[in-house]
């Protein structure tokens, strides 16, 4: 079925124009992975507008924290610097710089970014989880944004729970993810999003929207 005939994966509407939406931002893919699967779902123009400005911001943060030793050695880094020279580049550079916080690690002065605490970064994390849930038919209908919570994964996964995870690999050292259907009173599913070898985030989809 064509994307334009499917309900929007994010709001469920069928009566507004829909297009092919990339669950993982299209700009995240390097030229070195031409055959890597692009996961797409139906996306209405109203939802697309919600995160259109957040996607470049998300990409810039991901690339900055991709590896603590070095940036990725591909065309994405050049695209990032080129983006800072665009019409809105000065604003994006300023917003990126404002995320950097001084910290001490092993008695050394360092600078850190806390990605999941950034509203626009977390918006895209939640969007990825919502899109993947529809792609894999883990949910019966579109998942509202207020049912999803995402953060950095700081804890080891218990072996008993890890056995319940279904893993999907887009490309080694680029992006892979896992999910489990929890089917309990409060949580519908659990998700892991891994970028590179170093960045692991989790997401949970609640059965009911969180309270405001």
N, C-alpha and C. Protein backbone atom coordinates (compact mmCIF):
# COMPACT_ATOMS: atom_id res chain seq x y z
N UNK A 1 0.85 -1.19 0.00
CA UNK A 1 0.00 0.00 0.00
C UNK A 1 0.88 1.25 0.00
N UNK A 2 0.57 2.21 -0.85
CA UNK A 2 1.36 3.44 -0.94
C UNK A 2 1.29 4.20 0.37
N UNK A 3 2.38 4.93 0.68
CA UNK A 3 2.44 5.70 1.91
C UNK A 3 1.27 6.68 2.03
N UNK A 4 0.89 7.28 0.90
CA UNK A 4 -0.16 8.30 0.95
C UNK A 4 -1.52 7.72 1.29
N UNK A 5 -1.65 6.40 1.23
CA UNK A 5 -2.92 5.76 1.58
C UNK A 5 -2.94 5.21 3.00
N UNK A 6 -1.81 5.28 3.67
CA UNK A 6 -1.71 4.79 5.04
C UNK A 6 -1.92 5.93 6.03
N UNK A 7 -2.42 5.64 7.22
CA UNK A 7 -2.53 6.70 8.24
C UNK A 7 -1.15 7.15 8.69
N UNK A 8 -1.04 8.37 9.12
CA UNK A 8 0.24 8.87 9.64
C UNK A 8 0.69 8.01 10.81
N UNK A 9 1.95 7.61 10.79
CA UNK A 9 2.47 6.73 11.84
C UNK A 9 2.55 7.42 13.19
N UNK A 10 2.45 8.76 13.21
CA UNK A 10 2.66 9.50 14.44
C UNK A 10 1.38 10.08 15.05
N UNK A 11 0.43 10.44 14.21
CA UNK A 11 -0.83 10.98 14.74
C UNK A 11 -2.03 10.14 14.34
N UNK A 12 -1.85 9.24 13.37
CA UNK A 12 -2.92 8.35 12.97
C UNK A 12 -3.93 8.94 12.00
N UNK A 13 -3.77 10.21 11.62
CA UNK A 13 -4.74 10.85 10.74
C UNK A 13 -4.64 10.33 9.31
N UNK A 14 -5.77 10.27 8.65
CA UNK A 14 -5.84 9.82 7.26
C UNK A 14 -6.31 10.91 6.31
N UNK A 15 -6.76 12.02 6.87
CA UNK A 15 -7.39 13.05 6.02
C UNK A 15 -6.48 14.24 5.75
N UNK A 16 -5.18 14.08 5.96
CA UNK A 16 -4.23 15.15 5.62
C UNK A 16 -3.15 14.56 4.72
N UNK A 17 -2.50 15.38 3.90
CA UNK A 17 -1.49 14.86 2.97
C UNK A 17 -0.38 14.12 3.71
N UNK A 18 0.00 12.96 3.18
CA UNK A 18 1.03 12.16 3.81
C UNK A 18 2.14 11.85 2.81
N UNK A 19 3.34 11.64 3.34
CA UNK A 19 4.50 11.38 2.52
C UNK A 19 5.33 10.29 3.17
N UNK A 20 6.47 9.96 2.57
CA UNK A 20 7.37 8.95 3.13
C UNK A 20 8.27 9.62 4.15
N UNK A 21 8.14 9.23 5.41
CA UNK A 21 8.95 9.82 6.47
C UNK A 21 10.04 8.86 6.91
N UNK A 22 11.25 9.37 7.05
CA UNK A 22 12.37 8.55 7.51
C UNK A 22 12.36 8.48 9.04
N UNK A 23 12.27 7.27 9.58
CA UNK A 23 12.24 7.09 11.03
C UNK A 23 13.55 7.57 11.64
N UNK A 24 14.66 7.12 11.11
CA UNK A 24 15.98 7.65 11.47
C UNK A 24 16.28 8.76 10.47
N UNK A 25 16.60 9.98 10.94
CA UNK A 25 16.78 11.09 10.00
C UNK A 25 17.66 10.71 8.81
N UNK A 26 17.19 11.05 7.63
CA UNK A 26 17.89 10.71 6.40
C UNK A 26 19.31 11.25 6.40
N UNK A 27 19.51 12.42 6.98
CA UNK A 27 20.83 13.05 6.99
C UNK A 27 21.84 12.32 7.86
N UNK A 28 21.37 11.36 8.67
CA UNK A 28 22.27 10.59 9.54
C UNK A 28 23.10 9.59 8.75
N UNK A 29 22.62 9.18 7.59
CA UNK A 29 23.29 8.12 6.85
C UNK A 29 24.51 8.66 6.11
N UNK A 30 25.68 8.04 6.30
CA UNK A 30 26.87 8.48 5.56
C UNK A 30 26.87 7.90 4.14
N UNK A 31 27.64 8.53 3.28
CA UNK A 31 27.76 8.03 1.91
C UNK A 31 28.40 6.66 1.85
N UNK A 32 29.12 6.29 2.90
CA UNK A 32 29.79 4.98 2.93
C UNK A 32 28.81 3.82 3.14
N UNK A 33 27.52 4.13 3.38
CA UNK A 33 26.53 3.08 3.60
C UNK A 33 25.37 3.24 2.60
N UNK A 34 25.66 3.17 1.30
CA UNK A 34 24.61 3.39 0.31
C UNK A 34 23.50 2.34 0.33
N UNK A 35 23.83 1.13 0.81
CA UNK A 35 22.83 0.06 0.80
C UNK A 35 22.15 -0.15 2.16
N UNK A 36 22.50 0.67 3.15
CA UNK A 36 21.88 0.53 4.47
C UNK A 36 20.39 0.81 4.38
N UNK A 37 19.60 0.00 5.06
CA UNK A 37 18.15 0.12 4.97
C UNK A 37 17.67 1.45 5.54
N UNK A 38 16.85 2.15 4.78
CA UNK A 38 16.18 3.36 5.25
C UNK A 38 14.78 2.96 5.70
N UNK A 39 14.53 3.03 6.99
CA UNK A 39 13.21 2.67 7.51
C UNK A 39 12.29 3.86 7.32
N UNK A 40 11.20 3.65 6.61
CA UNK A 40 10.26 4.73 6.34
C UNK A 40 8.84 4.34 6.73
N UNK A 41 8.08 5.32 7.15
CA UNK A 41 6.67 5.12 7.50
C UNK A 41 5.88 6.29 6.92
N UNK A 42 4.57 6.14 6.87
CA UNK A 42 3.73 7.25 6.42
C UNK A 42 3.81 8.39 7.44
N UNK A 43 3.96 9.61 6.93
CA UNK A 43 4.12 10.79 7.80
C UNK A 43 3.34 11.95 7.20
N UNK A 44 2.47 12.54 7.99
CA UNK A 44 1.72 13.68 7.48
C UNK A 44 2.58 14.95 7.56
N UNK A 45 2.22 15.92 6.77
CA UNK A 45 3.01 17.15 6.70
C UNK A 45 2.96 17.93 8.01
N UNK A 46 1.86 17.82 8.76
CA UNK A 46 1.75 18.51 10.04
C UNK A 46 2.75 17.93 11.05
N UNK A 47 2.87 16.60 11.10
CA UNK A 47 3.84 15.99 12.01
C UNK A 47 5.27 16.28 11.55
N UNK A 48 5.50 16.21 10.26
CA UNK A 48 6.83 16.47 9.72
C UNK A 48 7.33 17.84 10.15
N UNK A 49 6.41 18.82 10.17
CA UNK A 49 6.79 20.19 10.54
C UNK A 49 7.21 20.29 12.01
N UNK A 50 6.72 19.38 12.85
CA UNK A 50 7.02 19.44 14.28
C UNK A 50 8.51 19.24 14.53
N UNK A 51 9.12 18.31 13.80
CA UNK A 51 10.53 17.98 14.08
C UNK A 51 11.48 18.35 12.95
N UNK A 52 11.00 19.11 11.98
CA UNK A 52 11.87 19.47 10.85
C UNK A 52 13.09 20.26 11.31
N UNK A 53 12.90 21.19 12.24
CA UNK A 53 14.03 21.99 12.73
C UNK A 53 14.90 21.21 13.71
N UNK A 54 14.31 20.20 14.36
CA UNK A 54 15.05 19.44 15.36
C UNK A 54 16.00 18.42 14.75
N UNK A 55 15.72 17.96 13.54
CA UNK A 55 16.54 16.90 12.95
C UNK A 55 18.00 17.31 12.75
N UNK A 56 18.30 18.50 12.16
CA UNK A 56 19.71 18.89 12.05
C UNK A 56 20.38 19.05 13.42
N UNK A 57 19.64 19.54 14.39
CA UNK A 57 20.16 19.69 15.76
C UNK A 57 20.52 18.32 16.32
N UNK A 58 19.63 17.34 16.13
CA UNK A 58 19.88 15.97 16.58
C UNK A 58 21.14 15.41 15.92
N UNK A 59 21.26 15.59 14.62
CA UNK A 59 22.43 15.08 13.90
C UNK A 59 23.72 15.70 14.42
N UNK A 60 23.72 17.01 14.66
CA UNK A 60 24.93 17.67 15.14
C UNK A 60 25.36 17.12 16.50
N UNK A 61 24.41 16.89 17.39
CA UNK A 61 24.74 16.37 18.71
C UNK A 61 25.26 14.94 18.60
N UNK A 62 24.58 14.10 17.83
CA UNK A 62 25.02 12.71 17.67
C UNK A 62 26.44 12.65 17.15
N UNK A 63 26.76 13.45 16.14
CA UNK A 63 28.11 13.43 15.59
C UNK A 63 29.14 13.91 16.60
N UNK A 64 28.77 14.90 17.40
CA UNK A 64 29.71 15.45 18.39
C UNK A 64 30.06 14.44 19.48
N UNK A 65 29.13 13.56 19.79
CA UNK A 65 29.36 12.59 20.88
C UNK A 65 29.56 11.17 20.34
N UNK A 66 29.69 11.03 19.03
CA UNK A 66 29.77 9.73 18.38
C UNK A 66 30.87 8.86 18.99
N UNK A 67 32.02 9.46 19.20
CA UNK A 67 33.16 8.74 19.76
C UNK A 67 33.98 9.76 20.53
N UNK A 68 34.29 9.45 21.77
CA UNK A 68 35.03 10.41 22.60
C UNK A 68 36.46 10.63 22.09
N UNK A 69 36.96 9.73 21.25
CA UNK A 69 38.33 9.85 20.75
C UNK A 69 38.42 10.58 19.42
N UNK A 70 37.42 10.38 18.53
CA UNK A 70 37.47 11.04 17.23
C UNK A 70 36.10 11.06 16.59
N UNK A 71 35.91 12.02 15.68
CA UNK A 71 34.67 12.11 14.94
C UNK A 71 34.62 11.02 13.87
N UNK A 72 33.44 10.69 13.36
CA UNK A 72 33.36 9.71 12.28
C UNK A 72 34.19 10.17 11.07
N UNK A 73 34.82 9.23 10.42
CA UNK A 73 35.65 9.56 9.26
C UNK A 73 34.84 9.37 7.97
N UNK A 74 33.83 10.18 7.80
CA UNK A 74 33.02 10.11 6.60
C UNK A 74 32.44 11.48 6.29
N UNK A 75 31.58 11.55 5.29
CA UNK A 75 31.10 12.83 4.79
C UNK A 75 30.15 13.55 5.73
N UNK A 76 29.65 12.88 6.78
CA UNK A 76 28.69 13.53 7.68
C UNK A 76 29.32 14.70 8.42
N UNK A 77 30.59 14.58 8.78
CA UNK A 77 31.26 15.64 9.52
C UNK A 77 31.38 16.89 8.66
N UNK A 78 31.77 16.71 7.40
CA UNK A 78 31.87 17.84 6.50
C UNK A 78 30.50 18.49 6.29
N UNK A 79 29.45 17.66 6.22
CA UNK A 79 28.10 18.19 6.08
C UNK A 79 27.72 19.02 7.30
N UNK A 80 28.17 18.57 8.50
CA UNK A 80 27.87 19.32 9.71
C UNK A 80 28.51 20.69 9.67
N UNK A 81 29.80 20.76 9.33
CA UNK A 81 30.48 22.05 9.27
C UNK A 81 29.89 22.92 8.17
N UNK A 82 29.52 22.30 7.05
CA UNK A 82 28.91 23.05 5.97
C UNK A 82 27.57 23.63 6.41
N UNK A 83 26.85 22.87 7.23
CA UNK A 83 25.58 23.35 7.75
C UNK A 83 25.73 24.59 8.61
N UNK A 84 26.82 24.67 9.36
CA UNK A 84 27.06 25.84 10.20
C UNK A 84 27.33 27.09 9.36
N UNK A 85 27.60 26.91 8.07
CA UNK A 85 27.85 28.06 7.19
C UNK A 85 26.59 28.46 6.41
N UNK A 86 25.50 27.75 6.64
CA UNK A 86 24.25 28.07 5.96
C UNK A 86 23.56 29.27 6.63
N UNK A 87 22.42 29.64 6.07
CA UNK A 87 21.69 30.83 6.54
C UNK A 87 21.39 30.77 8.03
N UNK A 88 20.99 29.57 8.52
CA UNK A 88 20.67 29.43 9.94
C UNK A 88 21.82 28.81 10.72
N UNK A 89 22.99 28.74 10.10
CA UNK A 89 24.12 28.06 10.72
C UNK A 89 24.61 28.70 12.00
N UNK A 90 24.62 30.05 12.04
CA UNK A 90 25.10 30.73 13.23
C UNK A 90 24.21 30.41 14.42
N UNK A 91 22.89 30.36 14.18
CA UNK A 91 21.96 29.99 15.26
C UNK A 91 22.22 28.57 15.72
N UNK A 92 22.40 27.64 14.80
CA UNK A 92 22.62 26.24 15.17
C UNK A 92 23.93 26.07 15.92
N UNK A 93 24.96 26.78 15.48
CA UNK A 93 26.25 26.71 16.17
C UNK A 93 26.12 27.25 17.61
N UNK A 94 25.38 28.34 17.76
CA UNK A 94 25.19 28.92 19.09
C UNK A 94 24.40 27.96 19.99
N UNK A 95 23.33 27.37 19.44
CA UNK A 95 22.51 26.45 20.22
C UNK A 95 23.31 25.21 20.61
N UNK A 96 24.16 24.76 19.70
CA UNK A 96 25.01 23.61 20.02
C UNK A 96 26.01 23.96 21.13
N UNK A 97 26.63 25.13 21.04
CA UNK A 97 27.63 25.54 22.03
C UNK A 97 27.00 25.68 23.41
N UNK A 98 25.75 26.11 23.46
CA UNK A 98 25.07 26.29 24.74
C UNK A 98 24.83 24.97 25.48
N UNK A 99 24.93 23.86 24.78
CA UNK A 99 24.71 22.55 25.41
C UNK A 99 25.95 22.03 26.13
N UNK A 100 27.10 22.61 25.83
CA UNK A 100 28.36 22.11 26.39
C UNK A 100 28.49 22.56 27.84
N UNK A 101 28.78 21.61 28.71
CA UNK A 101 28.89 21.89 30.14
C UNK A 101 30.27 21.46 30.66
N UNK A 102 30.89 22.29 31.52
CA UNK A 102 32.17 21.88 32.12
C UNK A 102 31.95 20.72 33.08
N UNK A 103 32.93 19.83 33.15
CA UNK A 103 32.82 18.67 34.04
C UNK A 103 34.23 18.20 34.39
N UNK A 104 34.30 17.42 35.45
CA UNK A 104 35.57 16.81 35.85
C UNK A 104 35.44 15.31 35.78
N UNK A 105 36.34 14.69 35.04
CA UNK A 105 36.36 13.23 34.92
C UNK A 105 37.77 12.76 35.23
N UNK A 106 37.88 11.91 36.24
CA UNK A 106 39.20 11.42 36.68
C UNK A 106 40.14 12.58 36.97
N UNK A 107 39.61 13.59 37.68
CA UNK A 107 40.37 14.77 38.08
C UNK A 107 40.87 15.61 36.91
N UNK A 108 40.26 15.44 35.75
CA UNK A 108 40.64 16.24 34.59
C UNK A 108 39.45 17.09 34.15
N UNK A 109 39.75 18.32 33.76
CA UNK A 109 38.70 19.20 33.26
C UNK A 109 38.27 18.74 31.87
N UNK A 110 36.99 18.53 31.72
CA UNK A 110 36.44 18.08 30.44
C UNK A 110 35.21 18.91 30.10
N UNK A 111 34.70 18.72 28.91
CA UNK A 111 33.45 19.34 28.49
C UNK A 111 32.51 18.24 28.03
N UNK A 112 31.29 18.29 28.53
CA UNK A 112 30.33 17.24 28.24
C UNK A 112 29.04 17.81 27.67
N UNK A 113 28.34 16.96 26.93
CA UNK A 113 26.99 17.27 26.45
C UNK A 113 26.06 16.20 27.02
N UNK A 114 24.93 16.64 27.55
CA UNK A 114 23.93 15.71 28.08
C UNK A 114 22.78 15.64 27.08
N UNK A 115 22.87 14.77 26.10
CA UNK A 115 21.95 14.82 24.96
C UNK A 115 20.49 14.61 25.31
N UNK A 116 20.20 13.62 26.14
CA UNK A 116 18.80 13.29 26.41
C UNK A 116 18.09 14.37 27.20
N UNK A 117 18.83 15.31 27.79
CA UNK A 117 18.21 16.42 28.52
C UNK A 117 17.83 17.56 27.59
N UNK A 118 18.27 17.49 26.35
CA UNK A 118 17.94 18.53 25.38
C UNK A 118 16.58 18.21 24.76
N UNK A 119 15.67 19.18 24.78
CA UNK A 119 14.28 18.92 24.37
C UNK A 119 14.18 18.48 22.92
N UNK A 120 14.90 19.13 22.02
CA UNK A 120 14.78 18.77 20.61
C UNK A 120 15.45 17.45 20.30
N UNK A 121 16.57 17.16 20.94
CA UNK A 121 17.22 15.86 20.77
C UNK A 121 16.28 14.75 21.23
N UNK A 122 15.67 14.95 22.40
CA UNK A 122 14.78 13.93 22.94
C UNK A 122 13.52 13.78 22.08
N UNK A 123 13.08 14.86 21.47
CA UNK A 123 11.94 14.79 20.56
C UNK A 123 12.22 13.79 19.44
N UNK A 124 13.43 13.84 18.87
CA UNK A 124 13.77 12.94 17.77
C UNK A 124 13.94 11.51 18.29
N UNK A 125 14.52 11.33 19.47
CA UNK A 125 14.59 10.00 20.06
C UNK A 125 13.20 9.39 20.17
N UNK A 126 12.25 10.17 20.69
CA UNK A 126 10.89 9.66 20.84
C UNK A 126 10.26 9.39 19.48
N UNK A 127 10.55 10.25 18.50
CA UNK A 127 10.03 10.04 17.16
C UNK A 127 10.53 8.72 16.58
N UNK A 128 11.82 8.42 16.80
CA UNK A 128 12.39 7.16 16.31
C UNK A 128 11.68 5.96 16.93
N UNK A 129 11.48 6.00 18.24
CA UNK A 129 10.78 4.91 18.92
C UNK A 129 9.36 4.76 18.39
N UNK A 130 8.67 5.86 18.22
CA UNK A 130 7.29 5.81 17.73
C UNK A 130 7.22 5.22 16.32
N UNK A 131 8.15 5.65 15.47
CA UNK A 131 8.16 5.13 14.11
C UNK A 131 8.51 3.66 14.04
N UNK A 132 9.49 3.23 14.85
CA UNK A 132 9.88 1.83 14.86
C UNK A 132 8.75 0.95 15.39
N UNK A 133 8.01 1.45 16.36
CA UNK A 133 6.90 0.68 16.91
C UNK A 133 5.84 0.40 15.85
N UNK A 134 5.60 1.38 14.99
CA UNK A 134 4.64 1.18 13.89
C UNK A 134 5.24 0.27 12.83
N UNK A 135 6.51 0.49 12.49
CA UNK A 135 7.18 -0.32 11.48
C UNK A 135 7.12 -1.81 11.82
N UNK A 136 7.33 -2.14 13.07
CA UNK A 136 7.36 -3.55 13.48
C UNK A 136 6.01 -4.05 14.02
N UNK A 137 5.00 -3.19 13.89
CA UNK A 137 3.64 -3.57 14.30
C UNK A 137 3.59 -4.02 15.77
N UNK A 138 4.44 -3.39 16.58
CA UNK A 138 4.42 -3.64 18.02
C UNK A 138 3.19 -2.96 18.63
N UNK A 139 2.71 -1.93 17.97
CA UNK A 139 1.50 -1.23 18.40
C UNK A 139 0.44 -1.38 17.30
N UNK A 140 -0.82 -1.26 17.70
CA UNK A 140 -1.91 -1.41 16.74
C UNK A 140 -2.26 -0.11 16.04
N UNK A 141 -1.86 0.99 16.63
CA UNK A 141 -2.17 2.30 16.06
C UNK A 141 -1.04 3.26 16.41
N UNK A 142 -1.10 4.46 15.85
CA UNK A 142 -0.07 5.46 16.11
C UNK A 142 0.08 5.73 17.61
N UNK A 143 1.33 5.97 18.02
CA UNK A 143 1.65 6.23 19.43
C UNK A 143 1.81 7.73 19.63
N UNK A 144 1.07 8.30 20.54
CA UNK A 144 1.20 9.73 20.82
C UNK A 144 2.53 10.00 21.53
N UNK A 145 3.05 11.21 21.32
CA UNK A 145 4.36 11.56 21.89
C UNK A 145 4.36 11.48 23.41
N UNK A 146 3.24 11.78 24.05
CA UNK A 146 3.20 11.79 25.51
C UNK A 146 3.09 10.40 26.13
N UNK A 147 3.19 9.37 25.31
CA UNK A 147 3.26 8.00 25.84
C UNK A 147 4.69 7.47 25.85
N UNK A 148 5.64 8.27 25.36
CA UNK A 148 7.01 7.79 25.18
C UNK A 148 7.97 8.54 26.09
N UNK A 149 8.87 7.79 26.71
CA UNK A 149 9.94 8.38 27.53
C UNK A 149 11.27 7.82 27.05
N UNK A 150 12.26 8.70 26.85
CA UNK A 150 13.58 8.28 26.40
C UNK A 150 14.66 8.90 27.28
N UNK A 151 15.78 8.19 27.40
CA UNK A 151 16.91 8.70 28.17
C UNK A 151 18.15 7.90 27.79
N UNK A 152 19.28 8.33 28.32
CA UNK A 152 20.52 7.57 28.15
C UNK A 152 20.40 6.26 28.93
N UNK A 153 20.88 5.16 28.33
CA UNK A 153 20.88 3.87 29.01
C UNK A 153 22.13 3.79 29.88
N UNK A 154 21.93 3.85 31.19
CA UNK A 154 23.07 3.90 32.12
C UNK A 154 23.30 2.58 32.85
N UNK A 155 22.43 1.60 32.65
CA UNK A 155 22.51 0.39 33.45
C UNK A 155 22.68 -0.84 32.56
N UNK A 156 23.36 -1.85 33.06
CA UNK A 156 23.47 -3.10 32.28
C UNK A 156 22.11 -3.77 32.18
N UNK A 157 21.88 -4.44 31.07
CA UNK A 157 20.62 -5.13 30.85
C UNK A 157 20.67 -6.49 31.53
N UNK A 158 19.71 -6.80 32.40
CA UNK A 158 19.71 -8.13 33.04
C UNK A 158 19.66 -9.23 31.99
N UNK A 159 20.49 -10.27 32.13
CA UNK A 159 20.52 -11.35 31.13
C UNK A 159 19.14 -11.96 30.86
N UNK A 160 18.32 -12.10 31.89
CA UNK A 160 17.00 -12.70 31.69
C UNK A 160 16.13 -11.84 30.79
N UNK A 161 16.29 -10.50 30.90
CA UNK A 161 15.51 -9.59 30.06
C UNK A 161 16.11 -9.50 28.66
N UNK A 162 17.43 -9.56 28.58
CA UNK A 162 18.09 -9.45 27.28
C UNK A 162 17.63 -10.54 26.32
N UNK A 163 17.31 -11.70 26.87
CA UNK A 163 16.85 -12.82 26.03
C UNK A 163 15.53 -12.51 25.34
N UNK A 164 14.77 -11.56 25.88
CA UNK A 164 13.47 -11.21 25.29
C UNK A 164 13.58 -10.13 24.22
N UNK A 165 14.77 -9.56 24.05
CA UNK A 165 14.94 -8.49 23.08
C UNK A 165 15.10 -9.02 21.66
N UNK A 166 14.46 -8.36 20.72
CA UNK A 166 14.64 -8.64 19.31
C UNK A 166 15.52 -7.55 18.71
N UNK A 167 16.68 -7.94 18.18
CA UNK A 167 17.64 -6.97 17.66
C UNK A 167 17.52 -6.82 16.15
N UNK A 168 17.70 -5.60 15.67
CA UNK A 168 17.77 -5.30 14.25
C UNK A 168 19.00 -4.43 14.01
N UNK A 169 19.83 -4.80 13.05
CA UNK A 169 21.06 -4.06 12.75
C UNK A 169 20.94 -3.38 11.40
N UNK A 170 21.03 -2.06 11.40
CA UNK A 170 21.03 -1.31 10.14
C UNK A 170 22.43 -1.40 9.51
N UNK A 171 23.46 -1.18 10.31
CA UNK A 171 24.84 -1.35 9.86
C UNK A 171 25.72 -1.35 11.10
N UNK A 172 26.74 -2.20 11.10
CA UNK A 172 27.67 -2.25 12.23
C UNK A 172 28.31 -0.88 12.45
N UNK A 173 28.47 -0.52 13.70
CA UNK A 173 29.11 0.74 14.10
C UNK A 173 28.35 1.97 13.60
N UNK A 174 27.09 1.77 13.18
CA UNK A 174 26.28 2.91 12.75
C UNK A 174 25.00 2.99 13.58
N UNK A 175 24.08 2.08 13.38
CA UNK A 175 22.84 2.11 14.14
C UNK A 175 22.24 0.71 14.21
N UNK A 176 21.86 0.33 15.41
CA UNK A 176 21.09 -0.88 15.62
C UNK A 176 20.12 -0.64 16.77
N UNK A 177 19.10 -1.45 16.83
CA UNK A 177 18.10 -1.24 17.87
C UNK A 177 17.49 -2.57 18.28
N UNK A 178 16.85 -2.56 19.43
CA UNK A 178 16.21 -3.77 19.95
C UNK A 178 14.90 -3.37 20.61
N UNK A 179 13.99 -4.32 20.70
CA UNK A 179 12.71 -4.03 21.34
C UNK A 179 12.15 -5.29 21.98
N UNK A 180 11.28 -5.07 22.95
CA UNK A 180 10.59 -6.16 23.64
C UNK A 180 9.18 -5.72 23.97
N UNK A 181 8.23 -6.59 23.73
CA UNK A 181 6.84 -6.33 24.08
C UNK A 181 6.66 -6.67 25.55
N UNK A 182 6.40 -5.66 26.38
CA UNK A 182 6.31 -5.87 27.82
C UNK A 182 4.95 -6.38 28.25
N UNK A 183 3.91 -5.84 27.64
CA UNK A 183 2.56 -6.32 27.90
C UNK A 183 2.24 -6.39 29.39
N UNK A 184 2.53 -5.29 30.12
CA UNK A 184 2.13 -5.25 31.52
C UNK A 184 1.16 -4.09 31.74
N UNK A 185 0.80 -3.84 32.98
CA UNK A 185 -0.25 -2.86 33.26
C UNK A 185 0.12 -1.44 32.86
N UNK A 186 1.40 -1.09 32.96
CA UNK A 186 1.78 0.30 32.72
C UNK A 186 2.58 0.51 31.44
N UNK A 187 3.42 -0.44 31.05
CA UNK A 187 4.30 -0.26 29.91
C UNK A 187 3.96 -1.22 28.78
N UNK A 188 3.95 -0.67 27.57
CA UNK A 188 3.61 -1.48 26.40
C UNK A 188 4.83 -2.14 25.79
N UNK A 189 5.94 -1.39 25.66
CA UNK A 189 7.15 -1.96 25.07
C UNK A 189 8.39 -1.20 25.52
N UNK A 190 9.53 -1.85 25.35
CA UNK A 190 10.83 -1.30 25.73
C UNK A 190 11.72 -1.30 24.49
N UNK A 191 12.54 -0.23 24.32
CA UNK A 191 13.36 -0.07 23.14
C UNK A 191 14.79 0.33 23.50
N UNK A 192 15.75 -0.18 22.77
CA UNK A 192 17.14 0.25 22.86
C UNK A 192 17.55 0.82 21.51
N UNK A 193 18.20 1.97 21.53
CA UNK A 193 18.69 2.62 20.32
C UNK A 193 20.20 2.80 20.47
N UNK A 194 20.97 2.12 19.64
CA UNK A 194 22.42 2.21 19.75
C UNK A 194 23.02 2.85 18.50
N UNK A 195 23.71 3.97 18.72
CA UNK A 195 24.43 4.66 17.66
C UNK A 195 25.92 4.42 17.86
N UNK A 196 26.64 4.14 16.80
CA UNK A 196 28.06 3.77 16.88
C UNK A 196 28.23 2.63 17.88
N UNK A 197 29.41 2.52 18.48
CA UNK A 197 29.63 1.50 19.50
C UNK A 197 29.42 2.06 20.90
N UNK A 198 29.21 3.37 20.98
CA UNK A 198 29.35 4.04 22.27
C UNK A 198 28.07 4.65 22.82
N UNK A 199 27.08 4.87 21.99
CA UNK A 199 25.90 5.63 22.41
C UNK A 199 24.68 4.74 22.50
N UNK A 200 24.19 4.57 23.70
CA UNK A 200 23.03 3.70 23.92
C UNK A 200 21.95 4.46 24.67
N UNK A 201 20.78 4.52 24.06
CA UNK A 201 19.62 5.16 24.66
C UNK A 201 18.51 4.13 24.81
N UNK A 202 17.59 4.41 25.74
CA UNK A 202 16.43 3.53 25.86
C UNK A 202 15.16 4.34 25.68
N UNK A 203 14.12 3.65 25.34
CA UNK A 203 12.80 4.26 25.25
C UNK A 203 11.74 3.30 25.76
N UNK A 204 10.74 3.82 26.39
CA UNK A 204 9.61 2.99 26.81
C UNK A 204 8.32 3.64 26.30
N UNK A 205 7.39 2.80 25.88
CA UNK A 205 6.09 3.25 25.46
C UNK A 205 5.09 2.83 26.54
N UNK A 206 4.45 3.80 27.13
CA UNK A 206 3.46 3.52 28.18
C UNK A 206 2.12 3.19 27.56
N UNK A 207 1.31 2.47 28.30
CA UNK A 207 -0.02 2.15 27.82
C UNK A 207 -0.93 3.37 27.82
N UNK A 208 -0.68 4.28 28.74
CA UNK A 208 -1.49 5.50 28.84
C UNK A 208 -0.57 6.72 28.78
N UNK A 209 -1.07 7.85 28.26
CA UNK A 209 -0.27 9.07 28.23
C UNK A 209 0.17 9.48 29.63
N UNK A 210 1.39 10.03 29.73
CA UNK A 210 1.84 10.49 31.03
C UNK A 210 1.09 11.74 31.43
N UNK A 211 0.95 11.93 32.73
CA UNK A 211 0.24 13.10 33.23
C UNK A 211 1.03 14.36 32.96
N UNK A 212 0.32 15.42 32.65
CA UNK A 212 0.99 16.72 32.37
C UNK A 212 1.61 17.28 33.63
